[in-house]
Amino acid sequence: MSDVEQYINRRKQTDSQFCQGFESGYLSFKLGVILSQAREEAGLTQEELARKLNWDKATVFNLEENVESVGISTLEKYVKALGKELIVEIR
C-alpha cells in the first residue's frame, strides 16, 4: 500500500467529514472516468460527441470533469448518444 493510500485510510478512520467528502468526490471522479471511457469506446472525441448532441465541446468536457452537478436527464442524453443505456442501481 502506498503512502498516499495509508494516509487516506488513516484519515478515513479518524475523520468522518474527510471520509464523507472523500467518498463523494471519489464517486464523482469515477463516474467521470466511466463516461470518458464509454465515449472513447464508442470511437468519439469530445468534439464529435458535442456535435452529435448539439452541445459545445466545453459542455462535454465539463460533464466528464464535474459530474456531481449533472442531472439524470443530461446523463441519459449523453449515454444515448453513445448508443448505450443509462442504468441507475441502488444496492
N, C-alpha and C. Protein backbone atom coordinates (compact mmCIF):
# COMPACT_ATOMS: atom_id res chain seq x y z
N MET A 1 0.85 -1.17 0.00
CA MET A 1 0.00 0.00 0.00
C MET A 1 0.90 1.24 0.00
N SER A 2 0.57 2.18 -0.86
CA SER A 2 1.38 3.39 -0.98
C SER A 2 1.19 4.30 0.24
N ASP A 3 2.09 5.26 0.38
CA ASP A 3 1.98 6.24 1.47
C ASP A 3 0.67 7.02 1.37
N VAL A 4 0.27 7.35 0.15
CA VAL A 4 -0.98 8.09 -0.04
C VAL A 4 -2.17 7.25 0.41
N GLU A 5 -2.19 5.98 0.03
CA GLU A 5 -3.28 5.10 0.43
C GLU A 5 -3.32 4.93 1.95
N GLN A 6 -2.15 4.82 2.58
CA GLN A 6 -2.10 4.71 4.04
C GLN A 6 -2.65 5.98 4.70
N TYR A 7 -2.26 7.13 4.16
CA TYR A 7 -2.75 8.40 4.69
C TYR A 7 -4.27 8.48 4.57
N ILE A 8 -4.79 8.15 3.39
CA ILE A 8 -6.24 8.20 3.17
C ILE A 8 -6.95 7.27 4.14
N ASN A 9 -6.45 6.07 4.30
CA ASN A 9 -7.08 5.11 5.22
C ASN A 9 -7.07 5.62 6.65
N ARG A 10 -5.95 6.21 7.08
CA ARG A 10 -5.89 6.76 8.45
C ARG A 10 -6.89 7.89 8.62
N ARG A 11 -6.94 8.80 7.65
CA ARG A 11 -7.87 9.93 7.74
C ARG A 11 -9.32 9.46 7.74
N LYS A 12 -9.63 8.46 6.93
CA LYS A 12 -11.00 7.95 6.87
C LYS A 12 -11.41 7.34 8.21
N GLN A 13 -10.47 6.74 8.92
CA GLN A 13 -10.76 6.12 10.21
C GLN A 13 -10.93 7.14 11.33
N THR A 14 -10.29 8.28 11.20
CA THR A 14 -10.29 9.25 12.30
C THR A 14 -11.10 10.52 12.05
N ASP A 15 -11.52 10.73 10.81
CA ASP A 15 -12.18 11.99 10.46
C ASP A 15 -13.40 11.70 9.59
N SER A 16 -14.58 11.73 10.19
CA SER A 16 -15.80 11.38 9.46
C SER A 16 -16.09 12.36 8.32
N GLN A 17 -15.78 13.64 8.51
CA GLN A 17 -16.00 14.62 7.44
C GLN A 17 -15.10 14.34 6.24
N PHE A 18 -13.85 14.00 6.52
CA PHE A 18 -12.94 13.64 5.44
C PHE A 18 -13.47 12.42 4.70
N CYS A 19 -13.94 11.45 5.45
CA CYS A 19 -14.46 10.22 4.87
C CYS A 19 -15.63 10.52 3.94
N GLN A 20 -16.59 11.31 4.40
CA GLN A 20 -17.75 11.65 3.57
C GLN A 20 -17.33 12.41 2.32
N GLY A 21 -16.49 13.40 2.50
CA GLY A 21 -16.03 14.20 1.36
C GLY A 21 -15.24 13.38 0.36
N PHE A 22 -14.40 12.50 0.88
CA PHE A 22 -13.58 11.66 0.01
C PHE A 22 -14.46 10.73 -0.81
N GLU A 23 -15.40 10.06 -0.16
CA GLU A 23 -16.27 9.12 -0.86
C GLU A 23 -17.10 9.83 -1.93
N SER A 24 -17.66 10.98 -1.60
CA SER A 24 -18.46 11.74 -2.55
C SER A 24 -17.61 12.17 -3.75
N GLY A 25 -16.45 12.71 -3.48
CA GLY A 25 -15.55 13.15 -4.54
C GLY A 25 -15.07 12.00 -5.40
N TYR A 26 -14.78 10.87 -4.76
CA TYR A 26 -14.31 9.71 -5.50
C TYR A 26 -15.39 9.18 -6.44
N LEU A 27 -16.63 9.13 -5.96
CA LEU A 27 -17.72 8.64 -6.81
C LEU A 27 -17.91 9.53 -8.03
N SER A 28 -17.82 10.84 -7.85
CA SER A 28 -17.94 11.77 -8.99
C SER A 28 -16.80 11.57 -9.97
N PHE A 29 -15.59 11.43 -9.43
CA PHE A 29 -14.42 11.19 -10.28
C PHE A 29 -14.60 9.90 -11.07
N LYS A 30 -15.04 8.85 -10.39
CA LYS A 30 -15.21 7.54 -11.02
C LYS A 30 -16.26 7.61 -12.14
N LEU A 31 -17.36 8.29 -11.90
CA LEU A 31 -18.39 8.42 -12.92
C LEU A 31 -17.87 9.19 -14.13
N GLY A 32 -17.10 10.23 -13.89
CA GLY A 32 -16.50 10.98 -15.00
C GLY A 32 -15.59 10.11 -15.85
N VAL A 33 -14.81 9.25 -15.19
CA VAL A 33 -13.92 8.33 -15.91
C VAL A 33 -14.75 7.33 -16.72
N ILE A 34 -15.82 6.82 -16.14
CA ILE A 34 -16.70 5.88 -16.84
C ILE A 34 -17.29 6.53 -18.09
N LEU A 35 -17.74 7.77 -17.96
CA LEU A 35 -18.31 8.48 -19.12
C LEU A 35 -17.25 8.69 -20.21
N SER A 36 -16.07 9.11 -19.82
CA SER A 36 -14.98 9.32 -20.79
C SER A 36 -14.64 8.02 -21.50
N GLN A 37 -14.54 6.93 -20.74
CA GLN A 37 -14.20 5.64 -21.33
C GLN A 37 -15.29 5.18 -22.30
N ALA A 38 -16.55 5.38 -21.94
CA ALA A 38 -17.65 4.98 -22.82
C ALA A 38 -17.59 5.77 -24.13
N ARG A 39 -17.30 7.06 -24.02
CA ARG A 39 -17.17 7.89 -25.23
C ARG A 39 -16.03 7.39 -26.11
N GLU A 40 -14.89 7.11 -25.49
CA GLU A 40 -13.73 6.64 -26.24
C GLU A 40 -14.00 5.27 -26.87
N GLU A 41 -14.68 4.38 -26.13
CA GLU A 41 -15.03 3.06 -26.68
C GLU A 41 -15.98 3.19 -27.86
N ALA A 42 -16.80 4.23 -27.87
CA ALA A 42 -17.71 4.49 -28.99
C ALA A 42 -16.95 5.10 -30.17
N GLY A 43 -15.67 5.40 -29.96
CA GLY A 43 -14.84 5.95 -31.03
C GLY A 43 -15.09 7.42 -31.31
N LEU A 44 -15.57 8.14 -30.29
CA LEU A 44 -15.89 9.56 -30.46
C LEU A 44 -14.95 10.44 -29.64
N THR A 45 -14.58 11.57 -30.22
CA THR A 45 -13.88 12.60 -29.46
C THR A 45 -14.94 13.43 -28.73
N GLN A 46 -14.49 14.27 -27.83
CA GLN A 46 -15.43 15.17 -27.15
C GLN A 46 -16.12 16.07 -28.16
N GLU A 47 -15.37 16.53 -29.14
CA GLU A 47 -15.94 17.42 -30.16
C GLU A 47 -17.00 16.70 -31.00
N GLU A 48 -16.72 15.46 -31.39
CA GLU A 48 -17.69 14.70 -32.19
C GLU A 48 -18.96 14.43 -31.40
N LEU A 49 -18.81 14.07 -30.13
CA LEU A 49 -19.98 13.83 -29.29
C LEU A 49 -20.78 15.11 -29.10
N ALA A 50 -20.08 16.22 -28.91
CA ALA A 50 -20.75 17.51 -28.75
C ALA A 50 -21.60 17.84 -29.97
N ARG A 51 -21.05 17.62 -31.16
CA ARG A 51 -21.82 17.87 -32.39
C ARG A 51 -23.05 16.98 -32.45
N LYS A 52 -22.87 15.72 -32.09
CA LYS A 52 -23.98 14.76 -32.12
C LYS A 52 -25.11 15.18 -31.17
N LEU A 53 -24.74 15.78 -30.04
CA LEU A 53 -25.72 16.22 -29.04
C LEU A 53 -26.19 17.65 -29.25
N ASN A 54 -25.58 18.35 -30.21
CA ASN A 54 -25.84 19.77 -30.42
C ASN A 54 -25.44 20.59 -29.19
N TRP A 55 -24.33 20.19 -28.58
CA TRP A 55 -23.74 20.90 -27.46
C TRP A 55 -22.41 21.48 -27.94
N ASP A 56 -21.80 22.32 -27.12
CA ASP A 56 -20.43 22.72 -27.45
C ASP A 56 -19.47 21.77 -26.73
N LYS A 57 -18.23 21.74 -27.22
CA LYS A 57 -17.22 20.82 -26.68
C LYS A 57 -17.00 21.05 -25.19
N ALA A 58 -17.06 22.30 -24.76
CA ALA A 58 -16.84 22.63 -23.34
C ALA A 58 -17.89 21.95 -22.45
N THR A 59 -19.11 21.81 -22.95
CA THR A 59 -20.16 21.16 -22.17
C THR A 59 -19.82 19.69 -21.94
N VAL A 60 -19.36 19.01 -22.98
CA VAL A 60 -18.97 17.61 -22.85
C VAL A 60 -17.79 17.50 -21.89
N PHE A 61 -16.80 18.36 -22.06
CA PHE A 61 -15.63 18.35 -21.17
C PHE A 61 -16.05 18.56 -19.72
N ASN A 62 -16.87 19.57 -19.48
CA ASN A 62 -17.31 19.87 -18.11
C ASN A 62 -18.13 18.75 -17.51
N LEU A 63 -18.95 18.10 -18.32
CA LEU A 63 -19.74 16.98 -17.83
C LEU A 63 -18.82 15.84 -17.38
N GLU A 64 -17.81 15.54 -18.17
CA GLU A 64 -16.88 14.46 -17.83
C GLU A 64 -16.00 14.81 -16.63
N GLU A 65 -15.74 16.09 -16.42
CA GLU A 65 -14.85 16.51 -15.34
C GLU A 65 -15.58 16.88 -14.05
N ASN A 66 -16.87 17.21 -14.13
CA ASN A 66 -17.60 17.70 -12.96
C ASN A 66 -19.01 17.09 -12.94
N VAL A 67 -19.06 15.81 -12.72
CA VAL A 67 -20.31 15.06 -12.84
C VAL A 67 -21.27 15.33 -11.69
N GLU A 68 -20.78 15.77 -10.55
CA GLU A 68 -21.65 15.86 -9.37
C GLU A 68 -22.82 16.82 -9.52
N SER A 69 -22.76 17.76 -10.43
CA SER A 69 -23.87 18.71 -10.59
C SER A 69 -24.73 18.41 -11.82
N VAL A 70 -24.57 17.24 -12.41
CA VAL A 70 -25.27 16.88 -13.64
C VAL A 70 -26.56 16.13 -13.31
N GLY A 71 -27.63 16.47 -14.00
CA GLY A 71 -28.91 15.80 -13.79
C GLY A 71 -28.98 14.47 -14.53
N ILE A 72 -29.89 13.63 -14.08
CA ILE A 72 -30.09 12.31 -14.69
C ILE A 72 -30.47 12.44 -16.17
N SER A 73 -31.32 13.40 -16.50
CA SER A 73 -31.75 13.54 -17.91
C SER A 73 -30.56 13.90 -18.81
N THR A 74 -29.63 14.69 -18.30
CA THR A 74 -28.44 15.05 -19.08
C THR A 74 -27.55 13.83 -19.26
N LEU A 75 -27.37 13.06 -18.19
CA LEU A 75 -26.58 11.82 -18.30
C LEU A 75 -27.21 10.87 -19.31
N GLU A 76 -28.54 10.79 -19.27
CA GLU A 76 -29.24 9.89 -20.19
C GLU A 76 -29.02 10.31 -21.65
N LYS A 77 -29.08 11.61 -21.94
CA LYS A 77 -28.82 12.10 -23.31
C LYS A 77 -27.41 11.75 -23.75
N TYR A 78 -26.45 11.98 -22.86
CA TYR A 78 -25.04 11.69 -23.14
C TYR A 78 -24.87 10.22 -23.49
N VAL A 79 -25.41 9.36 -22.64
CA VAL A 79 -25.25 7.91 -22.81
C VAL A 79 -25.98 7.42 -24.07
N LYS A 80 -27.17 7.91 -24.32
CA LYS A 80 -27.92 7.50 -25.52
C LYS A 80 -27.18 7.90 -26.80
N ALA A 81 -26.51 9.04 -26.78
CA ALA A 81 -25.74 9.48 -27.94
C ALA A 81 -24.59 8.53 -28.24
N LEU A 82 -24.19 7.75 -27.24
CA LEU A 82 -23.13 6.75 -27.41
C LEU A 82 -23.70 5.40 -27.81
N GLY A 83 -25.04 5.33 -27.92
CA GLY A 83 -25.68 4.06 -28.25
C GLY A 83 -25.78 3.12 -27.07
N LYS A 84 -25.76 3.70 -25.87
CA LYS A 84 -25.81 2.89 -24.65
C LYS A 84 -27.05 3.25 -23.85
N GLU A 85 -27.24 2.54 -22.76
CA GLU A 85 -28.39 2.74 -21.89
C GLU A 85 -27.90 3.12 -20.49
N LEU A 86 -28.53 4.12 -19.90
CA LEU A 86 -28.20 4.52 -18.53
C LEU A 86 -29.02 3.67 -17.57
N ILE A 87 -28.33 3.02 -16.64
CA ILE A 87 -28.99 2.21 -15.62
C ILE A 87 -28.54 2.73 -14.27
N VAL A 88 -29.48 3.11 -13.43
CA VAL A 88 -29.18 3.57 -12.07
C VAL A 88 -29.58 2.44 -11.14
N GLU A 89 -28.67 2.05 -10.28
CA GLU A 89 -28.91 0.91 -9.42
C GLU A 89 -28.61 1.27 -7.97
N ILE A 90 -29.46 0.84 -7.08
CA ILE A 90 -29.22 1.04 -5.65
C ILE A 90 -28.99 -0.33 -5.05
N ARG A 91 -27.89 -0.46 -4.32
CA ARG A 91 -27.57 -1.76 -3.70
C ARG A 91 -27.52 -1.63 -2.22
